[in-house]
Amino acid sequence: MIIGHQKQRQFLKRSIELKHIAHAYLFCGPEKLGKKTIALEFAELINGKISPSHPDLILIEPEPEKKEISIDQIRELIWKLSLKPYSFSFKIAIIDNADFLTTDAQHSLLKILEEPKGSTLLILISRSLENLFPTICSRCEILKFYPVKKSEIEKYVHSEEIAEISLGRPGLAIDFSSNPEKLKEYKQKIKELIEISRSDLAFRFQYTKELSQNSNIREILFIWLKYFRNILLEKCLTQGAKHSKYSFSKLKKILQQIQNTNFLISTTNVNTRLALEILMLEL
């Protein structure tokens, strides 16, 4: 199911109709927007119905238990793309979470982009352009994706609450809709965050110790980001009358620190517990 992004999808369809398919695309935008789903749709529009296991469709993502896409993965990709398509017109490679390409892997990837082959297509999926070499970005057709309107999401999930808390991310809305436990967990995390914000540093640091061992840290940080964004919005709408505990400047600092923490945890080998403790000082 694809929700929203009509302009981007129409652009890709039109490029096929006009036979102006670029040799490489970069789909950029926040997680859970549906970028990978649209990349797969684009691949099928070009080649026809194709299985993820078909040799003409190559899917690459960070290695299990690692926060990176290694140079060995890209070297293997270069070898596979050097082969002629097995049964379709194009051999298509989709690199999901391209943010996690190592420096060496990005250097290796440039070889593909600098010397594209006529029967190959490369699609990179990334949260931000900042995590990729400018030379990689400049050699791709960049397609930016944005949060989807609440009304479009609500039309599919039939829940105003889910459409509201998904923050414009259709993938997350579908997760909440199909998995009530995930929605329940979301609400529980909000309760925990409120309790943390009212507690002393000793309690916060103890919570940080437990949180640093949680495999879903990034999703929890997203929940926190949503919560404080809503507070900021309410303050703007009520001209500061609500949530007097937090000033506008304080909320901006908290939001920035959450984003910084998420970035460090996602893309570096930072000490997770230390990064979270620094965040706790802002709450």
C-alpha atoms as a PDB file:
ATOM      1  CA  MET A   1       0.000   0.000   0.000  1.00  0.00           C
ATOM      2  CA  ILE A   2       1.308   3.424  -0.964  1.00  0.00           C
ATOM      3  CA  ILE A   3      -0.137   6.502   0.731  1.00  0.00           C
ATOM      4  CA  GLY A   4       0.588   9.938  -0.670  1.00  0.00           C
ATOM      5  CA  HIS A   5       3.626  11.072  -2.693  1.00  0.00           C
ATOM      6  CA  GLN A   6       1.576  11.467  -5.884  1.00  0.00           C
ATOM      7  CA  LYS A   7       3.936  14.058  -7.386  1.00  0.00           C
ATOM      8  CA  GLN A   8       6.989  11.849  -6.919  1.00  0.00           C
ATOM      9  CA  ARG A   9       5.229   8.790  -8.328  1.00  0.00           C
ATOM     10  CA  GLN A  10       3.917  10.717 -11.322  1.00  0.00           C
ATOM     11  CA  PHE A  11       7.406  12.064 -12.007  1.00  0.00           C
ATOM     12  CA  LEU A  12       8.821   8.527 -12.078  1.00  0.00           C
ATOM     13  CA  LYS A  13       6.013   7.224 -14.293  1.00  0.00           C
ATOM     14  CA  ARG A  14       6.471  10.139 -16.668  1.00  0.00           C
ATOM     15  CA  SER A  15      10.226   9.496 -16.892  1.00  0.00           C
ATOM     16  CA  ILE A  16       9.448   5.952 -18.080  1.00  0.00           C
ATOM     17  CA  GLU A  17       6.886   7.156 -20.616  1.00  0.00           C
ATOM     18  CA  LEU A  18       9.359   9.687 -22.025  1.00  0.00           C
ATOM     19  CA  LYS A  19      12.214   7.178 -21.819  1.00  0.00           C
ATOM     20  CA  HIS A  20      14.196   9.627 -19.706  1.00  0.00           C
ATOM     21  CA  ILE A  21      15.168   7.180 -16.967  1.00  0.00           C
ATOM     22  CA  ALA A  22      18.240   8.373 -15.079  1.00  0.00           C
ATOM     23  CA  HIS A  23      21.031   5.900 -14.348  1.00  0.00           C
ATOM     24  CA  ALA A  24      20.780   6.658 -10.611  1.00  0.00           C
ATOM     25  CA  TYR A  25      18.165   8.085  -8.244  1.00  0.00           C
ATOM     26  CA  LEU A  26      18.403   9.253  -4.651  1.00  0.00           C
ATOM     27  CA  PHE A  27      15.161   9.051  -2.652  1.00  0.00           C
ATOM     28  CA  CYS A  28      15.616  11.319   0.347  1.00  0.00           C
ATOM     29  CA  GLY A  29      13.346  11.913   3.359  1.00  0.00           C
ATOM     30  CA  PRO A  30      12.458  10.763   6.896  1.00  0.00           C
ATOM     31  CA  GLU A  31      11.947   7.104   7.759  1.00  0.00           C
ATOM     32  CA  LYS A  32       8.639   5.290   7.317  1.00  0.00           C
ATOM     33  CA  LEU A  33       7.444   7.514   4.464  1.00  0.00           C
ATOM     34  CA  GLY A  34       7.248   4.671   1.949  1.00  0.00           C
ATOM     35  CA  LYS A  35      10.412   5.429  -0.055  1.00  0.00           C
ATOM     36  CA  LYS A  36      11.420   1.781  -0.415  1.00  0.00           C
ATOM     37  CA  THR A  37       7.901   0.780  -1.437  1.00  0.00           C
ATOM     38  CA  ILE A  38       7.938   3.426  -4.174  1.00  0.00           C
ATOM     39  CA  ALA A  39      11.412   2.281  -5.283  1.00  0.00           C
ATOM     40  CA  LEU A  40      10.046  -1.250  -5.698  1.00  0.00           C
ATOM     41  CA  GLU A  41       7.005   0.103  -7.535  1.00  0.00           C
ATOM     42  CA  PHE A  42       9.338   2.005  -9.882  1.00  0.00           C
ATOM     43  CA  ALA A  43      11.351  -1.159 -10.501  1.00  0.00           C
ATOM     44  CA  GLU A  44       8.182  -3.041 -11.453  1.00  0.00           C
ATOM     45  CA  LEU A  45       6.992  -0.240 -13.727  1.00  0.00           C
ATOM     46  CA  ILE A  46      10.278  -0.587 -15.607  1.00  0.00           C
ATOM     47  CA  ASN A  47      10.720  -4.344 -15.609  1.00  0.00           C
ATOM     48  CA  GLY A  48       7.255  -5.703 -14.860  1.00  0.00           C
ATOM     49  CA  LYS A  49       6.323  -7.914 -11.913  1.00  0.00           C
ATOM     50  CA  ILE A  50       9.565  -8.997 -10.294  1.00  0.00           C
ATOM     51  CA  SER A  51      10.361 -11.020  -7.181  1.00  0.00           C
ATOM     52  CA  PRO A  52      12.787  -9.591  -4.569  1.00  0.00           C
ATOM     53  CA  SER A  53      14.844 -12.745  -5.053  1.00  0.00           C
ATOM     54  CA  HIS A  54      15.148 -12.311  -8.827  1.00  0.00           C
ATOM     55  CA  PRO A  55      18.778 -11.817  -9.999  1.00  0.00           C
ATOM     56  CA  ASP A  56      17.784  -8.638 -11.875  1.00  0.00           C
ATOM     57  CA  LEU A  57      16.678  -6.969  -8.626  1.00  0.00           C
ATOM     58  CA  ILE A  58      19.439  -6.418  -6.054  1.00  0.00           C
ATOM     59  CA  LEU A  59      18.472  -5.244  -2.573  1.00  0.00           C
ATOM     60  CA  ILE A  60      21.189  -3.952  -0.241  1.00  0.00           C
ATOM     61  CA  GLU A  61      20.817  -2.829   3.368  1.00  0.00           C
ATOM     62  CA  PRO A  62      23.057  -2.600   6.454  1.00  0.00           C
ATOM     63  CA  GLU A  63      24.491  -5.921   7.529  1.00  0.00           C
ATOM     64  CA  PRO A  64      22.749  -7.606  10.496  1.00  0.00           C
ATOM     65  CA  GLU A  65      24.060  -6.476  13.882  1.00  0.00           C
ATOM     66  CA  LYS A  66      26.037  -3.672  12.216  1.00  0.00           C
ATOM     67  CA  LYS A  67      25.342   0.002  11.578  1.00  0.00           C
ATOM     68  CA  GLU A  68      26.943   0.040   8.179  1.00  0.00           C
ATOM     69  CA  ILE A  69      26.890  -1.018   4.564  1.00  0.00           C
ATOM     70  CA  SER A  70      30.389  -2.308   3.939  1.00  0.00           C
ATOM     71  CA  ILE A  71      32.724  -1.927   0.987  1.00  0.00           C
ATOM     72  CA  ASP A  72      32.480  -5.697   0.440  1.00  0.00           C
ATOM     73  CA  GLN A  73      28.738  -5.328  -0.155  1.00  0.00           C
ATOM     74  CA  ILE A  74      29.364  -2.607  -2.742  1.00  0.00           C
ATOM     75  CA  ARG A  75      32.123  -4.618  -4.429  1.00  0.00           C
ATOM     76  CA  GLU A  76      29.703  -7.519  -4.763  1.00  0.00           C
ATOM     77  CA  LEU A  77      27.112  -5.087  -6.151  1.00  0.00           C
ATOM     78  CA  ILE A  78      29.604  -3.833  -8.773  1.00  0.00           C
ATOM     79  CA  TRP A  79      30.228  -7.427  -9.858  1.00  0.00           C
ATOM     80  CA  LYS A  80      26.501  -8.211 -10.113  1.00  0.00           C
ATOM     81  CA  LEU A  81      25.830  -5.044 -12.115  1.00  0.00           C
ATOM     82  CA  SER A  82      28.631  -5.992 -14.526  1.00  0.00           C
ATOM     83  CA  LEU A  83      26.551  -8.990 -15.606  1.00  0.00           C
ATOM     84  CA  LYS A  84      23.893  -8.665 -18.270  1.00  0.00           C
ATOM     85  CA  PRO A  85      20.250  -8.680 -17.108  1.00  0.00           C
ATOM     86  CA  TYR A  86      19.008 -12.231 -16.648  1.00  0.00           C
ATOM     87  CA  SER A  87      15.518 -11.866 -18.148  1.00  0.00           C
ATOM     88  CA  PHE A  88      14.424  -8.226 -17.804  1.00  0.00           C
ATOM     89  CA  SER A  89      15.366  -4.989 -19.577  1.00  0.00           C
ATOM     90  CA  PHE A  90      17.223  -3.545 -16.586  1.00  0.00           C
ATOM     91  CA  LYS A  91      19.278  -4.842 -13.725  1.00  0.00           C
ATOM     92  CA  ILE A  92      18.088  -2.687 -10.806  1.00  0.00           C
ATOM     93  CA  ALA A  93      19.827  -2.187  -7.449  1.00  0.00           C
ATOM     94  CA  ILE A  94      18.140  -0.591  -4.433  1.00  0.00           C
ATOM     95  CA  ILE A  95      20.375   0.501  -1.553  1.00  0.00           C
ATOM     96  CA  ASP A  96      18.150   0.990   1.481  1.00  0.00           C
ATOM     97  CA  ASN A  97      19.450   3.087   4.389  1.00  0.00           C
ATOM     98  CA  ALA A  98      22.242   4.464   2.221  1.00  0.00           C
ATOM     99  CA  ASP A  99      23.088   6.722   5.205  1.00  0.00           C
ATOM    100  CA  PHE A 100      24.973   3.721   6.570  1.00  0.00           C
ATOM    101  CA  LEU A 101      27.412   3.386   3.687  1.00  0.00           C
ATOM    102  CA  THR A 102      30.927   3.491   5.089  1.00  0.00           C
ATOM    103  CA  THR A 103      33.425   5.993   3.679  1.00  0.00           C
ATOM    104  CA  ASP A 104      35.180   3.228   1.743  1.00  0.00           C
ATOM    105  CA  ALA A 105      31.845   1.916   0.481  1.00  0.00           C
ATOM    106  CA  GLN A 106      30.899   5.377  -0.796  1.00  0.00           C
ATOM    107  CA  HIS A 107      34.218   5.713  -2.612  1.00  0.00           C
ATOM    108  CA  SER A 108      33.583   2.342  -4.221  1.00  0.00           C
ATOM    109  CA  LEU A 109      30.017   3.290  -5.113  1.00  0.00           C
ATOM    110  CA  LEU A 110      31.292   6.311  -7.025  1.00  0.00           C
ATOM    111  CA  LYS A 111      32.804   3.921  -9.573  1.00  0.00           C
ATOM    112  CA  ILE A 112      29.299   2.790 -10.537  1.00  0.00           C
ATOM    113  CA  LEU A 113      27.998   6.335 -10.694  1.00  0.00           C
ATOM    114  CA  GLU A 114      30.944   7.658 -12.714  1.00  0.00           C
ATOM    115  CA  GLU A 115      30.761   4.839 -15.252  1.00  0.00           C
ATOM    116  CA  PRO A 116      27.060   3.924 -15.515  1.00  0.00           C
ATOM    117  CA  LYS A 117      26.006   1.067 -17.775  1.00  0.00           C
ATOM    118  CA  GLY A 118      22.999   1.404 -20.053  1.00  0.00           C
ATOM    119  CA  SER A 119      21.134  -1.605 -18.707  1.00  0.00           C
ATOM    120  CA  THR A 120      21.529  -0.835 -15.002  1.00  0.00           C
ATOM    121  CA  LEU A 121      19.634   1.394 -12.591  1.00  0.00           C
ATOM    122  CA  LEU A 122      20.669   2.354  -9.066  1.00  0.00           C
ATOM    123  CA  ILE A 123      18.256   3.696  -6.414  1.00  0.00           C
ATOM    124  CA  LEU A 124      19.649   5.007  -3.126  1.00  0.00           C
ATOM    125  CA  ILE A 125      17.287   5.514  -0.191  1.00  0.00           C
ATOM    126  CA  SER A 126      18.489   7.938   2.478  1.00  0.00           C
ATOM    127  CA  ARG A 127      17.171  10.001   5.370  1.00  0.00           C
ATOM    128  CA  SER A 128      19.474  12.924   4.647  1.00  0.00           C
ATOM    129  CA  LEU A 129      21.790  14.185   1.918  1.00  0.00           C
ATOM    130  CA  GLU A 130      24.277  15.223   4.603  1.00  0.00           C
ATOM    131  CA  ASN A 131      25.309  11.614   5.227  1.00  0.00           C
ATOM    132  CA  LEU A 132      26.434  11.046   1.641  1.00  0.00           C
ATOM    133  CA  PHE A 133      29.346  12.434  -0.370  1.00  0.00           C
ATOM    134  CA  PRO A 134      28.353  15.514  -2.393  1.00  0.00           C
ATOM    135  CA  THR A 135      29.858  13.739  -5.407  1.00  0.00           C
ATOM    136  CA  ILE A 136      27.388  10.872  -4.938  1.00  0.00           C
ATOM    137  CA  CYS A 137      24.432  13.243  -4.620  1.00  0.00           C
ATOM    138  CA  SER A 138      25.480  15.221  -7.688  1.00  0.00           C
ATOM    139  CA  ARG A 139      25.478  12.080  -9.824  1.00  0.00           C
ATOM    140  CA  CYS A 140      21.946  11.077  -8.858  1.00  0.00           C
ATOM    141  CA  GLU A 141      18.499  12.353  -9.770  1.00  0.00           C
ATOM    142  CA  ILE A 142      17.374  13.532  -6.321  1.00  0.00           C
ATOM    143  CA  LEU A 143      13.761  12.967  -5.372  1.00  0.00           C
ATOM    144  CA  LYS A 144      12.746  14.401  -2.002  1.00  0.00           C
ATOM    145  CA  PHE A 145       9.928  12.916   0.066  1.00  0.00           C
ATOM    146  CA  TYR A 146       7.979  14.762   2.729  1.00  0.00           C
ATOM    147  CA  PRO A 147       5.525  13.810   5.488  1.00  0.00           C
ATOM    148  CA  VAL A 148       2.087  12.997   4.134  1.00  0.00           C
ATOM    149  CA  LYS A 149      -0.992  15.035   5.037  1.00  0.00           C
ATOM    150  CA  LYS A 150      -2.907  13.763   8.049  1.00  0.00           C
ATOM    151  CA  SER A 151      -6.123  13.584   6.008  1.00  0.00           C
ATOM    152  CA  GLU A 152      -4.526  11.232   3.440  1.00  0.00           C
ATOM    153  CA  ILE A 153      -3.278   8.884   6.140  1.00  0.00           C
ATOM    154  CA  GLU A 154      -6.600   8.940   8.007  1.00  0.00           C
ATOM    155  CA  LYS A 155      -8.423   7.941   4.818  1.00  0.00           C
ATOM    156  CA  TYR A 156      -6.456   4.678   4.761  1.00  0.00           C
ATOM    157  CA  VAL A 157      -6.186   3.779   8.454  1.00  0.00           C
ATOM    158  CA  HIS A 158      -9.639   5.119   9.439  1.00  0.00           C
ATOM    159  CA  SER A 159      -8.323   6.487  12.720  1.00  0.00           C
ATOM    160  CA  GLU A 160      -7.805  10.152  13.523  1.00  0.00           C
ATOM    161  CA  GLU A 161      -5.654   9.255  16.528  1.00  0.00           C
ATOM    162  CA  ILE A 162      -3.292   7.074  14.510  1.00  0.00           C
ATOM    163  CA  ALA A 163      -3.132   9.623  11.690  1.00  0.00           C
ATOM    164  CA  GLU A 164      -2.221  12.284  14.258  1.00  0.00           C
ATOM    165  CA  ILE A 165       0.526  10.439  16.130  1.00  0.00           C
ATOM    166  CA  SER A 166       2.180   8.979  13.014  1.00  0.00           C
ATOM    167  CA  LEU A 167       3.564  12.464  12.208  1.00  0.00           C
ATOM    168  CA  GLY A 168       2.980  12.171   8.470  1.00  0.00           C
ATOM    169  CA  ARG A 169       4.706   8.793   8.149  1.00  0.00           C
ATOM    170  CA  PRO A 170       2.404   6.288   6.409  1.00  0.00           C
ATOM    171  CA  GLY A 171       4.596   3.317   7.297  1.00  0.00           C
ATOM    172  CA  LEU A 172       4.271   4.075  10.983  1.00  0.00           C
ATOM    173  CA  ALA A 173       0.518   4.627  10.664  1.00  0.00           C
ATOM    174  CA  ILE A 174       0.146   1.217   9.017  1.00  0.00           C
ATOM    175  CA  ASP A 175       2.259  -0.350  11.780  1.00  0.00           C
ATOM    176  CA  PHE A 176       0.001   1.173  14.453  1.00  0.00           C
ATOM    177  CA  SER A 177      -3.144   0.150  12.583  1.00  0.00           C
ATOM    178  CA  SER A 178      -2.084  -3.472  12.042  1.00  0.00           C
ATOM    179  CA  ASN A 179      -0.415  -3.909  15.432  1.00  0.00           C
ATOM    180  CA  PRO A 180      -2.451  -2.624  18.427  1.00  0.00           C
ATOM    181  CA  GLU A 181       0.410  -3.614  20.729  1.00  0.00           C
ATOM    182  CA  LYS A 182       2.687  -1.121  19.004  1.00  0.00           C
ATOM    183  CA  LEU A 183       0.109   1.629  19.532  1.00  0.00           C
ATOM    184  CA  LYS A 184      -0.185   0.616  23.180  1.00  0.00           C
ATOM    185  CA  GLU A 185       3.598   0.713  23.508  1.00  0.00           C
ATOM    186  CA  TYR A 186       3.644   4.210  21.989  1.00  0.00           C
ATOM    187  CA  LYS A 187       1.208   5.485  24.605  1.00  0.00           C
ATOM    188  CA  GLN A 188       3.229   3.787  27.369  1.00  0.00           C
ATOM    189  CA  LYS A 189       6.399   5.517  26.193  1.00  0.00           C
ATOM    190  CA  ILE A 190       4.644   8.890  26.396  1.00  0.00           C
ATOM    191  CA  LYS A 191       3.641   8.132  29.996  1.00  0.00           C
ATOM    192  CA  GLU A 192       7.239   7.188  30.797  1.00  0.00           C
ATOM    193  CA  LEU A 193       8.542  10.371  29.209  1.00  0.00           C
ATOM    194  CA  ILE A 194       6.183  12.523  31.284  1.00  0.00           C
ATOM    195  CA  GLU A 195       7.327  10.697  34.425  1.00  0.00           C
ATOM    196  CA  ILE A 196      10.986  11.209  33.458  1.00  0.00           C
ATOM    197  CA  SER A 197      10.508  14.926  32.850  1.00  0.00           C
ATOM    198  CA  ARG A 198       9.157  15.260  36.391  1.00  0.00           C
ATOM    199  CA  SER A 199      11.913  13.213  38.044  1.00  0.00           C
ATOM    200  CA  ASP A 200      15.335  14.045  39.448  1.00  0.00           C
ATOM    201  CA  LEU A 201      18.609  13.286  37.663  1.00  0.00           C
ATOM    202  CA  ALA A 202      19.240  10.090  39.631  1.00  0.00           C
ATOM    203  CA  PHE A 203      16.018   8.572  38.309  1.00  0.00           C
ATOM    204  CA  ARG A 204      16.699   9.853  34.784  1.00  0.00           C
ATOM    205  CA  PHE A 205      20.192   8.366  34.662  1.00  0.00           C
ATOM    206  CA  GLN A 206      18.903   5.027  35.929  1.00  0.00           C
ATOM    207  CA  TYR A 207      16.308   5.057  33.164  1.00  0.00           C
ATOM    208  CA  THR A 208      19.062   5.956  30.687  1.00  0.00           C
ATOM    209  CA  LYS A 209      21.032   2.875  31.716  1.00  0.00           C
ATOM    210  CA  GLU A 210      18.080   0.652  30.833  1.00  0.00           C
ATOM    211  CA  LEU A 211      17.216   2.582  27.686  1.00  0.00           C
ATOM    212  CA  SER A 212      20.760   2.343  26.309  1.00  0.00           C
ATOM    213  CA  GLN A 213      20.308  -1.451  26.096  1.00  0.00           C
ATOM    214  CA  ASN A 214      16.991  -1.181  24.242  1.00  0.00           C
ATOM    215  CA  SER A 215      17.171  -2.164  20.564  1.00  0.00           C
ATOM    216  CA  ASN A 216      14.357   0.275  19.718  1.00  0.00           C
ATOM    217  CA  ILE A 217      16.108   3.443  20.899  1.00  0.00           C
ATOM    218  CA  ARG A 218      15.597   5.274  17.621  1.00  0.00           C
ATOM    219  CA  GLU A 219      11.854   4.630  17.653  1.00  0.00           C
ATOM    220  CA  ILE A 220      11.630   5.787  21.279  1.00  0.00           C
ATOM    221  CA  LEU A 221      13.498   8.974  20.394  1.00  0.00           C
ATOM    222  CA  PHE A 222      11.052   9.529  17.562  1.00  0.00           C
ATOM    223  CA  ILE A 223       8.180   9.280  20.061  1.00  0.00           C
ATOM    224  CA  TRP A 224       9.895  11.856  22.268  1.00  0.00           C
ATOM    225  CA  LEU A 225      10.435  14.120  19.273  1.00  0.00           C
ATOM    226  CA  LYS A 226       6.744  13.902  18.396  1.00  0.00           C
ATOM    227  CA  TYR A 227       5.708  14.653  21.988  1.00  0.00           C
ATOM    228  CA  PHE A 228       7.826  17.812  22.295  1.00  0.00           C
ATOM    229  CA  ARG A 229       6.879  18.983  18.799  1.00  0.00           C
ATOM    230  CA  ASN A 230       3.242  18.806  19.839  1.00  0.00           C
ATOM    231  CA  ILE A 231       3.978  20.850  22.952  1.00  0.00           C
ATOM    232  CA  LEU A 232       5.730  23.466  20.829  1.00  0.00           C
ATOM    233  CA  LEU A 233       2.791  23.571  18.415  1.00  0.00           C
ATOM    234  CA  GLU A 234       0.300  23.971  21.254  1.00  0.00           C
ATOM    235  CA  LYS A 235       2.342  26.822  22.718  1.00  0.00           C
ATOM    236  CA  CYS A 236       2.360  28.533  19.333  1.00  0.00           C
ATOM    237  CA  LEU A 237      -1.403  28.124  18.942  1.00  0.00           C
ATOM    238  CA  THR A 238      -2.142  29.351  22.470  1.00  0.00           C
ATOM    239  CA  GLN A 239       0.572  32.024  22.423  1.00  0.00           C
ATOM    240  CA  GLY A 240       2.460  30.322  25.207  1.00  0.00           C
ATOM    241  CA  ALA A 241      -0.517  29.772  27.516  1.00  0.00           C
ATOM    242  CA  LYS A 242      -0.088  25.999  27.634  1.00  0.00           C
ATOM    243  CA  HIS A 243       2.823  24.002  29.048  1.00  0.00           C
ATOM    244  CA  SER A 244       4.343  26.897  30.922  1.00  0.00           C
ATOM    245  CA  LYS A 245       7.031  24.496  32.226  1.00  0.00           C
ATOM    246  CA  TYR A 246       8.789  24.789  28.868  1.00  0.00           C
ATOM    247  CA  SER A 247       9.727  28.053  27.201  1.00  0.00           C
ATOM    248  CA  PHE A 248       9.986  28.304  23.416  1.00  0.00           C
ATOM    249  CA  SER A 249      13.779  28.377  23.604  1.00  0.00           C
ATOM    250  CA  LYS A 250      13.827  25.369  25.945  1.00  0.00           C
ATOM    251  CA  LEU A 251      11.643  23.330  23.614  1.00  0.00           C
ATOM    252  CA  LYS A 252      13.869  24.167  20.654  1.00  0.00           C
ATOM    253  CA  LYS A 253      16.935  23.011  22.606  1.00  0.00           C
ATOM    254  CA  ILE A 254      15.207  19.756  23.565  1.00  0.00           C
ATOM    255  CA  LEU A 255      14.127  19.058  19.984  1.00  0.00           C
ATOM    256  CA  GLN A 256      17.614  19.777  18.670  1.00  0.00           C
ATOM    257  CA  GLN A 257      19.220  17.547  21.300  1.00  0.00           C
ATOM    258  CA  ILE A 258      16.858  14.663  20.525  1.00  0.00           C
ATOM    259  CA  GLN A 259      17.699  14.948  16.821  1.00  0.00           C
ATOM    260  CA  ASN A 260      21.428  15.142  17.559  1.00  0.00           C
ATOM    261  CA  THR A 261      21.248  12.121  19.854  1.00  0.00           C
ATOM    262  CA  ASN A 262      19.346  10.086  17.289  1.00  0.00           C
ATOM    263  CA  PHE A 263      21.846  11.009  14.585  1.00  0.00           C
ATOM    264  CA  LEU A 264      24.852  10.049  16.729  1.00  0.00           C
ATOM    265  CA  ILE A 265      23.343   6.738  17.825  1.00  0.00           C
ATOM    266  CA  SER A 266      22.274   5.869  14.284  1.00  0.00           C
ATOM    267  CA  THR A 267      25.418   6.735  12.370  1.00  0.00           C
ATOM    268  CA  THR A 268      28.386   6.636  14.745  1.00  0.00           C
ATOM    269  CA  ASN A 269      29.938   4.457  17.447  1.00  0.00           C
ATOM    270  CA  VAL A 270      29.128   7.014  20.124  1.00  0.00           C
ATOM    271  CA  ASN A 271      28.696   5.787  23.702  1.00  0.00           C
ATOM    272  CA  THR A 272      24.915   5.386  23.660  1.00  0.00           C
ATOM    273  CA  ARG A 273      24.440   5.746  27.391  1.00  0.00           C
ATOM    274  CA  LEU A 274      26.541   8.918  27.532  1.00  0.00           C
ATOM    275  CA  ALA A 275      24.639  10.459  24.596  1.00  0.00           C
ATOM    276  CA  LEU A 276      21.341   9.729  26.344  1.00  0.00           C
ATOM    277  CA  GLU A 277      22.573  11.156  29.641  1.00  0.00           C
ATOM    278  CA  ILE A 278      23.444  14.433  27.902  1.00  0.00           C
ATOM    279  CA  LEU A 279      19.915  14.454  26.484  1.00  0.00           C
ATOM    280  CA  MET A 280      18.463  13.867  29.950  1.00  0.00           C
ATOM    281  CA  LEU A 281      20.082  17.072  31.164  1.00  0.00           C
ATOM    282  CA  GLU A 282      17.886  19.027  28.735  1.00  0.00           C
ATOM    283  CA  LEU A 283      14.524  17.445  29.627  1.00  0.00           C
END
